[in-house]
ModelCIF file with pLDDT and N, C-alpha, C, O atoms, coordinates in Angstrom:
data_MODEL
#
_entry.id   MODEL 
#
_entity.id                         1 
_entity.type                       polymer 
_entity.pdbx_number_of_molecules   1 
#
_entity_poly.entity_id                      1 
_entity_poly.type                           'polypeptide(L)' 
_entity_poly.nstd_linkage                   no 
_entity_poly.nstd_monomer                   no 
_entity_poly.pdbx_seq_one_letter_code       IWDTYSRVPGKILDGTSGDVACGLYHRWASDLD 
_entity_poly.pdbx_seq_one_letter_code_can   IWDTYSRVPGKILDGTSGDVACGLYHRWASDLD 
_entity_poly.pdbx_strand_id                 A 
#
loop_
_entity_poly_seq.entity_id 
_entity_poly_seq.num 
_entity_poly_seq.mon_id 
_entity_poly_seq.hetero 
1 1  ILE n 
1 2  TRP n 
1 3  ASP n 
1 4  THR n 
1 5  TYR n 
1 6  SER n 
1 7  ARG n 
1 8  VAL n 
1 9  PRO n 
1 10 GLY n 
1 11 LYS n 
1 12 ILE n 
1 13 LEU n 
1 14 ASP n 
1 15 GLY n 
1 16 THR n 
1 17 SER n 
1 18 GLY n 
1 19 ASP n 
1 20 VAL n 
1 21 ALA n 
1 22 CYS n 
1 23 GLY n 
1 24 LEU n 
1 25 TYR n 
1 26 HIS n 
1 27 ARG n 
1 28 TRP n 
1 29 ALA n 
1 30 SER n 
1 31 ASP n 
1 32 LEU n 
1 33 ASP n 
#
_struct_asym.id          A 
_struct_asym.entity_id   1 
#
loop_
_ma_qa_metric.id 
_ma_qa_metric.mode 
_ma_qa_metric.name 
_ma_qa_metric.software_group_id 
_ma_qa_metric.type 
1 global pLDDT . pLDDT 
2 local  pLDDT . pLDDT 
#
_ma_qa_metric_global.metric_id      1 
_ma_qa_metric_global.metric_value   98.06 
_ma_qa_metric_global.model_id       1 
_ma_qa_metric_global.ordinal_id     1 
#
loop_
_ma_qa_metric_local.label_asym_id 
_ma_qa_metric_local.label_comp_id 
_ma_qa_metric_local.label_seq_id 
_ma_qa_metric_local.metric_id 
_ma_qa_metric_local.metric_value 
_ma_qa_metric_local.model_id 
_ma_qa_metric_local.ordinal_id 
A ILE 1  2 99.00 1 1  
A TRP 2  2 99.00 1 2  
A ASP 3  2 98.00 1 3  
A THR 4  2 98.00 1 4  
A TYR 5  2 98.00 1 5  
A SER 6  2 98.00 1 6  
A ARG 7  2 98.00 1 7  
A VAL 8  2 98.00 1 8  
A PRO 9  2 98.00 1 9  
A GLY 10 2 98.00 1 10 
A LYS 11 2 98.00 1 11 
A ILE 12 2 98.00 1 12 
A LEU 13 2 98.00 1 13 
A ASP 14 2 98.00 1 14 
A GLY 15 2 98.00 1 15 
A THR 16 2 98.00 1 16 
A SER 17 2 98.00 1 17 
A GLY 18 2 98.00 1 18 
A ASP 19 2 98.00 1 19 
A VAL 20 2 98.00 1 20 
A ALA 21 2 98.00 1 21 
A CYS 22 2 98.00 1 22 
A GLY 23 2 98.00 1 23 
A LEU 24 2 98.00 1 24 
A TYR 25 2 98.00 1 25 
A HIS 26 2 98.00 1 26 
A ARG 27 2 98.00 1 27 
A TRP 28 2 98.00 1 28 
A ALA 29 2 98.00 1 29 
A SER 30 2 98.00 1 30 
A ASP 31 2 98.00 1 31 
A LEU 32 2 98.00 1 32 
A ASP 33 2 98.00 1 33 
#
loop_
_atom_site.group_PDB 
_atom_site.id 
_atom_site.type_symbol 
_atom_site.label_atom_id 
_atom_site.label_alt_id 
_atom_site.label_comp_id 
_atom_site.label_asym_id 
_atom_site.label_entity_id 
_atom_site.label_seq_id 
_atom_site.pdbx_PDB_ins_code 
_atom_site.Cartn_x 
_atom_site.Cartn_y 
_atom_site.Cartn_z 
_atom_site.occupancy 
_atom_site.B_iso_or_equiv 
_atom_site.pdbx_formal_charge 
_atom_site.auth_seq_id 
_atom_site.auth_comp_id 
_atom_site.auth_asym_id 
_atom_site.auth_atom_id 
_atom_site.pdbx_PDB_model_num 
ATOM 1   N N  . ILE A 1 1  ? 0.731  -1.370 -0.293 1.00 99.00 ? 1  ILE A N  1 
ATOM 2   C CA . ILE A 1 1  ? 0.102  -0.029 0.036  1.00 99.00 ? 1  ILE A CA 1 
ATOM 3   C C  . ILE A 1 1  ? 1.280  1.276  -0.570 1.00 99.00 ? 1  ILE A C  1 
ATOM 4   O O  . ILE A 1 1  ? 1.636  2.003  -1.497 1.00 99.00 ? 1  ILE A O  1 
ATOM 5   N N  . TRP A 1 2  ? 1.407  0.990  0.316  1.00 99.00 ? 2  TRP A N  1 
ATOM 6   C CA . TRP A 1 2  ? 3.077  2.084  0.374  1.00 99.00 ? 2  TRP A CA 1 
ATOM 7   C C  . TRP A 1 2  ? 3.337  2.311  -1.018 1.00 99.00 ? 2  TRP A C  1 
ATOM 8   O O  . TRP A 1 2  ? 2.982  3.423  -1.407 1.00 99.00 ? 2  TRP A O  1 
ATOM 9   N N  . ASP A 1 3  ? 3.698  1.793  -1.608 1.00 98.00 ? 3  ASP A N  1 
ATOM 10  C CA . ASP A 1 3  ? 3.887  1.678  -2.761 1.00 98.00 ? 3  ASP A CA 1 
ATOM 11  C C  . ASP A 1 3  ? 2.644  2.143  -3.854 1.00 98.00 ? 3  ASP A C  1 
ATOM 12  O O  . ASP A 1 3  ? 2.703  2.192  -5.083 1.00 98.00 ? 3  ASP A O  1 
ATOM 13  N N  . THR A 1 4  ? 1.720  2.402  -3.118 1.00 98.00 ? 4  THR A N  1 
ATOM 14  C CA . THR A 1 4  ? 0.637  2.733  -4.227 1.00 98.00 ? 4  THR A CA 1 
ATOM 15  C C  . THR A 1 4  ? 0.732  4.522  -3.517 1.00 98.00 ? 4  THR A C  1 
ATOM 16  O O  . THR A 1 4  ? 0.575  5.501  -4.247 1.00 98.00 ? 4  THR A O  1 
ATOM 17  N N  . TYR A 1 5  ? 0.943  4.606  -2.378 1.00 98.00 ? 5  TYR A N  1 
ATOM 18  C CA . TYR A 1 5  ? 0.312  5.671  -1.512 1.00 98.00 ? 5  TYR A CA 1 
ATOM 19  C C  . TYR A 1 5  ? 1.454  6.597  -2.032 1.00 98.00 ? 5  TYR A C  1 
ATOM 20  O O  . TYR A 1 5  ? 1.079  7.767  -2.109 1.00 98.00 ? 5  TYR A O  1 
ATOM 21  N N  . SER A 1 6  ? 2.530  6.424  -2.346 1.00 98.00 ? 6  SER A N  1 
ATOM 22  C CA . SER A 1 6  ? 3.767  7.053  -1.611 1.00 98.00 ? 6  SER A CA 1 
ATOM 23  C C  . SER A 1 6  ? 3.735  7.798  -3.420 1.00 98.00 ? 6  SER A C  1 
ATOM 24  O O  . SER A 1 6  ? 4.425  8.815  -3.492 1.00 98.00 ? 6  SER A O  1 
ATOM 25  N N  . ARG A 1 7  ? 3.006  7.372  -4.821 1.00 98.00 ? 7  ARG A N  1 
ATOM 26  C CA . ARG A 1 7  ? 2.913  7.668  -6.050 1.00 98.00 ? 7  ARG A CA 1 
ATOM 27  C C  . ARG A 1 7  ? 2.285  8.671  -5.975 1.00 98.00 ? 7  ARG A C  1 
ATOM 28  O O  . ARG A 1 7  ? 2.749  9.535  -6.719 1.00 98.00 ? 7  ARG A O  1 
ATOM 29  N N  . VAL A 1 8  ? 0.639  9.271  -4.907 1.00 98.00 ? 8  VAL A N  1 
ATOM 30  C CA . VAL A 1 8  ? -0.199 9.538  -5.465 1.00 98.00 ? 8  VAL A CA 1 
ATOM 31  C C  . VAL A 1 8  ? -0.198 11.789 -4.972 1.00 98.00 ? 8  VAL A C  1 
ATOM 32  O O  . VAL A 1 8  ? -0.774 12.274 -3.999 1.00 98.00 ? 8  VAL A O  1 
ATOM 33  N N  . PRO A 1 9  ? 0.305  12.274 -5.620 1.00 98.00 ? 9  PRO A N  1 
ATOM 34  C CA . PRO A 1 9  ? 0.829  13.321 -5.818 1.00 98.00 ? 9  PRO A CA 1 
ATOM 35  C C  . PRO A 1 9  ? -0.297 14.287 -4.478 1.00 98.00 ? 9  PRO A C  1 
ATOM 36  O O  . PRO A 1 9  ? -1.473 14.430 -4.145 1.00 98.00 ? 9  PRO A O  1 
ATOM 37  N N  . GLY A 1 10 ? 1.035  14.707 -4.140 1.00 98.00 ? 10 GLY A N  1 
ATOM 38  C CA . GLY A 1 10 ? 1.021  15.282 -2.541 1.00 98.00 ? 10 GLY A CA 1 
ATOM 39  C C  . GLY A 1 10 ? 0.965  14.745 -1.675 1.00 98.00 ? 10 GLY A C  1 
ATOM 40  O O  . GLY A 1 10 ? 0.965  15.424 -0.648 1.00 98.00 ? 10 GLY A O  1 
ATOM 41  N N  . LYS A 1 11 ? 0.903  13.571 -1.555 1.00 98.00 ? 11 LYS A N  1 
ATOM 42  C CA . LYS A 1 11 ? 0.730  12.521 0.063  1.00 98.00 ? 11 LYS A CA 1 
ATOM 43  C C  . LYS A 1 11 ? 2.327  12.423 0.165  1.00 98.00 ? 11 LYS A C  1 
ATOM 44  O O  . LYS A 1 11 ? 2.357  11.198 0.285  1.00 98.00 ? 11 LYS A O  1 
ATOM 45  N N  . ILE A 1 12 ? 3.452  12.735 0.200  1.00 98.00 ? 12 ILE A N  1 
ATOM 46  C CA . ILE A 1 12 ? 4.615  12.324 0.011  1.00 98.00 ? 12 ILE A CA 1 
ATOM 47  C C  . ILE A 1 12 ? 5.324  14.309 0.150  1.00 98.00 ? 12 ILE A C  1 
ATOM 48  O O  . ILE A 1 12 ? 5.020  15.279 -0.544 1.00 98.00 ? 12 ILE A O  1 
ATOM 49  N N  . LEU A 1 13 ? 6.307  14.202 1.339  1.00 98.00 ? 13 LEU A N  1 
ATOM 50  C CA . LEU A 1 13 ? 6.431  15.778 1.478  1.00 98.00 ? 13 LEU A CA 1 
ATOM 51  C C  . LEU A 1 13 ? 7.466  16.232 0.272  1.00 98.00 ? 13 LEU A C  1 
ATOM 52  O O  . LEU A 1 13 ? 7.320  16.913 -0.744 1.00 98.00 ? 13 LEU A O  1 
ATOM 53  N N  . ASP A 1 14 ? 8.178  15.786 0.651  1.00 98.00 ? 14 ASP A N  1 
ATOM 54  C CA . ASP A 1 14 ? 9.542  15.840 -0.791 1.00 98.00 ? 14 ASP A CA 1 
ATOM 55  C C  . ASP A 1 14 ? 9.111  14.896 -1.920 1.00 98.00 ? 14 ASP A C  1 
ATOM 56  O O  . ASP A 1 14 ? 9.765  15.096 -2.943 1.00 98.00 ? 14 ASP A O  1 
ATOM 57  N N  . GLY A 1 15 ? 8.025  13.741 -2.043 1.00 98.00 ? 15 GLY A N  1 
ATOM 58  C CA . GLY A 1 15 ? 7.731  13.421 -3.768 1.00 98.00 ? 15 GLY A CA 1 
ATOM 59  C C  . GLY A 1 15 ? 7.991  11.956 -3.432 1.00 98.00 ? 15 GLY A C  1 
ATOM 60  O O  . GLY A 1 15 ? 7.137  11.301 -4.031 1.00 98.00 ? 15 GLY A O  1 
ATOM 61  N N  . THR A 1 16 ? 8.597  11.359 -2.910 1.00 98.00 ? 16 THR A N  1 
ATOM 62  C CA . THR A 1 16 ? 9.426  10.093 -2.526 1.00 98.00 ? 16 THR A CA 1 
ATOM 63  C C  . THR A 1 16 ? 8.774  9.055  -2.656 1.00 98.00 ? 16 THR A C  1 
ATOM 64  O O  . THR A 1 16 ? 7.557  9.243  -2.671 1.00 98.00 ? 16 THR A O  1 
ATOM 65  N N  . SER A 1 17 ? 9.209  7.703  -2.786 1.00 98.00 ? 17 SER A N  1 
ATOM 66  C CA . SER A 1 17 ? 8.788  6.251  -2.462 1.00 98.00 ? 17 SER A CA 1 
ATOM 67  C C  . SER A 1 17 ? 10.310 5.932  -1.374 1.00 98.00 ? 17 SER A C  1 
ATOM 68  O O  . SER A 1 17 ? 11.311 6.512  -0.953 1.00 98.00 ? 17 SER A O  1 
ATOM 69  N N  . GLY A 1 18 ? 9.456  4.300  -1.310 1.00 98.00 ? 18 GLY A N  1 
ATOM 70  C CA . GLY A 1 18 ? 10.529 3.850  -0.933 1.00 98.00 ? 18 GLY A CA 1 
ATOM 71  C C  . GLY A 1 18 ? 10.942 2.897  -1.713 1.00 98.00 ? 18 GLY A C  1 
ATOM 72  O O  . GLY A 1 18 ? 11.164 1.761  -1.294 1.00 98.00 ? 18 GLY A O  1 
ATOM 73  N N  . ASP A 1 19 ? 11.092 3.265  -2.964 1.00 98.00 ? 19 ASP A N  1 
ATOM 74  C CA . ASP A 1 19 ? 11.482 2.009  -3.703 1.00 98.00 ? 19 ASP A CA 1 
ATOM 75  C C  . ASP A 1 19 ? 12.601 1.675  -3.885 1.00 98.00 ? 19 ASP A C  1 
ATOM 76  O O  . ASP A 1 19 ? 12.910 0.594  -4.388 1.00 98.00 ? 19 ASP A O  1 
ATOM 77  N N  . VAL A 1 20 ? 14.095 3.305  -3.178 1.00 98.00 ? 20 VAL A N  1 
ATOM 78  C CA . VAL A 1 20 ? 15.781 2.824  -2.848 1.00 98.00 ? 20 VAL A CA 1 
ATOM 79  C C  . VAL A 1 20 ? 15.691 2.408  -2.091 1.00 98.00 ? 20 VAL A C  1 
ATOM 80  O O  . VAL A 1 20 ? 15.935 1.234  -1.814 1.00 98.00 ? 20 VAL A O  1 
ATOM 81  N N  . ALA A 1 21 ? 15.012 3.840  -1.014 1.00 98.00 ? 21 ALA A N  1 
ATOM 82  C CA . ALA A 1 21 ? 15.464 3.920  0.729  1.00 98.00 ? 21 ALA A CA 1 
ATOM 83  C C  . ALA A 1 21 ? 16.829 3.841  0.804  1.00 98.00 ? 21 ALA A C  1 
ATOM 84  O O  . ALA A 1 21 ? 17.567 4.565  0.136  1.00 98.00 ? 21 ALA A O  1 
ATOM 85  N N  . CYS A 1 22 ? 17.336 2.741  1.822  1.00 98.00 ? 22 CYS A N  1 
ATOM 86  C CA . CYS A 1 22 ? 18.424 2.716  2.210  1.00 98.00 ? 22 CYS A CA 1 
ATOM 87  C C  . CYS A 1 22 ? 19.140 1.294  1.435  1.00 98.00 ? 22 CYS A C  1 
ATOM 88  O O  . CYS A 1 22 ? 20.119 0.875  2.053  1.00 98.00 ? 22 CYS A O  1 
ATOM 89  N N  . GLY A 1 23 ? 18.904 0.783  0.611  1.00 98.00 ? 23 GLY A N  1 
ATOM 90  C CA . GLY A 1 23 ? 19.192 0.161  -0.131 1.00 98.00 ? 23 GLY A CA 1 
ATOM 91  C C  . GLY A 1 23 ? 19.231 -1.125 0.384  1.00 98.00 ? 23 GLY A C  1 
ATOM 92  O O  . GLY A 1 23 ? 19.521 -2.078 -0.340 1.00 98.00 ? 23 GLY A O  1 
ATOM 93  N N  . LEU A 1 24 ? 18.912 -1.279 1.806  1.00 98.00 ? 24 LEU A N  1 
ATOM 94  C CA . LEU A 1 24 ? 19.433 -2.816 3.057  1.00 98.00 ? 24 LEU A CA 1 
ATOM 95  C C  . LEU A 1 24 ? 19.299 -3.688 1.862  1.00 98.00 ? 24 LEU A C  1 
ATOM 96  O O  . LEU A 1 24 ? 20.456 -4.027 1.614  1.00 98.00 ? 24 LEU A O  1 
ATOM 97  N N  . TYR A 1 25 ? 18.641 -4.140 1.136  1.00 98.00 ? 25 TYR A N  1 
ATOM 98  C CA . TYR A 1 25 ? 18.065 -5.752 0.642  1.00 98.00 ? 25 TYR A CA 1 
ATOM 99  C C  . TYR A 1 25 ? 19.584 -5.678 -0.392 1.00 98.00 ? 25 TYR A C  1 
ATOM 100 O O  . TYR A 1 25 ? 19.214 -6.355 -1.351 1.00 98.00 ? 25 TYR A O  1 
ATOM 101 N N  . HIS A 1 26 ? 20.996 -5.256 -0.701 1.00 98.00 ? 26 HIS A N  1 
ATOM 102 C CA . HIS A 1 26 ? 21.364 -5.319 -1.712 1.00 98.00 ? 26 HIS A CA 1 
ATOM 103 C C  . HIS A 1 26 ? 22.718 -5.035 -0.429 1.00 98.00 ? 26 HIS A C  1 
ATOM 104 O O  . HIS A 1 26 ? 23.833 -5.127 -0.944 1.00 98.00 ? 26 HIS A O  1 
ATOM 105 N N  . ARG A 1 27 ? 22.741 -4.751 0.940  1.00 98.00 ? 27 ARG A N  1 
ATOM 106 C CA . ARG A 1 27 ? 23.831 -3.516 1.154  1.00 98.00 ? 27 ARG A CA 1 
ATOM 107 C C  . ARG A 1 27 ? 23.522 -4.894 2.809  1.00 98.00 ? 27 ARG A C  1 
ATOM 108 O O  . ARG A 1 27 ? 24.402 -4.803 3.665  1.00 98.00 ? 27 ARG A O  1 
ATOM 109 N N  . TRP A 1 28 ? 22.746 -5.631 3.009  1.00 98.00 ? 28 TRP A N  1 
ATOM 110 C CA . TRP A 1 28 ? 22.621 -6.302 4.994  1.00 98.00 ? 28 TRP A CA 1 
ATOM 111 C C  . TRP A 1 28 ? 24.100 -6.812 5.094  1.00 98.00 ? 28 TRP A C  1 
ATOM 112 O O  . TRP A 1 28 ? 24.095 -6.819 6.325  1.00 98.00 ? 28 TRP A O  1 
ATOM 113 N N  . ALA A 1 29 ? 24.980 -7.113 4.876  1.00 98.00 ? 29 ALA A N  1 
ATOM 114 C CA . ALA A 1 29 ? 25.994 -7.698 5.044  1.00 98.00 ? 29 ALA A CA 1 
ATOM 115 C C  . ALA A 1 29 ? 26.624 -6.704 5.592  1.00 98.00 ? 29 ALA A C  1 
ATOM 116 O O  . ALA A 1 29 ? 26.857 -6.680 6.800  1.00 98.00 ? 29 ALA A O  1 
ATOM 117 N N  . SER A 1 30 ? 26.961 -5.805 4.809  1.00 98.00 ? 30 SER A N  1 
ATOM 118 C CA . SER A 1 30 ? 27.627 -4.761 5.631  1.00 98.00 ? 30 SER A CA 1 
ATOM 119 C C  . SER A 1 30 ? 26.736 -3.642 6.386  1.00 98.00 ? 30 SER A C  1 
ATOM 120 O O  . SER A 1 30 ? 27.284 -2.613 6.784  1.00 98.00 ? 30 SER A O  1 
ATOM 121 N N  . ASP A 1 31 ? 25.737 -3.800 6.523  1.00 98.00 ? 31 ASP A N  1 
ATOM 122 C CA . ASP A 1 31 ? 24.929 -3.344 7.805  1.00 98.00 ? 31 ASP A CA 1 
ATOM 123 C C  . ASP A 1 31 ? 25.121 -4.006 8.408  1.00 98.00 ? 31 ASP A C  1 
ATOM 124 O O  . ASP A 1 31 ? 25.804 -3.455 9.271  1.00 98.00 ? 31 ASP A O  1 
ATOM 125 N N  . LEU A 1 32 ? 24.971 -5.243 8.708  1.00 98.00 ? 32 LEU A N  1 
ATOM 126 C CA . LEU A 1 32 ? 25.279 -5.853 10.076 1.00 98.00 ? 32 LEU A CA 1 
ATOM 127 C C  . LEU A 1 32 ? 26.113 -6.287 10.478 1.00 98.00 ? 32 LEU A C  1 
ATOM 128 O O  . LEU A 1 32 ? 26.297 -7.055 11.423 1.00 98.00 ? 32 LEU A O  1 
ATOM 129 N N  . ASP A 1 33 ? 27.332 -5.363 9.084  1.00 98.00 ? 33 ASP A N  1 
ATOM 130 C CA . ASP A 1 33 ? 28.716 -5.688 10.207 1.00 98.00 ? 33 ASP A CA 1 
ATOM 131 C C  . ASP A 1 33 ? 28.979 -3.963 10.926 1.00 98.00 ? 33 ASP A C  1 
ATOM 132 O O  . ASP A 1 33 ? 29.864 -3.769 11.759 1.00 98.00 ? 33 ASP A O  1 
#
């Protein structure tokens, strides 16, 4: 629902989404370190 909601104009203060966020999905090992 946040993928959908974040694409509604005016709902997110800076117009962004969590598509990239902090990239933990691909950086999980170094973030656990």
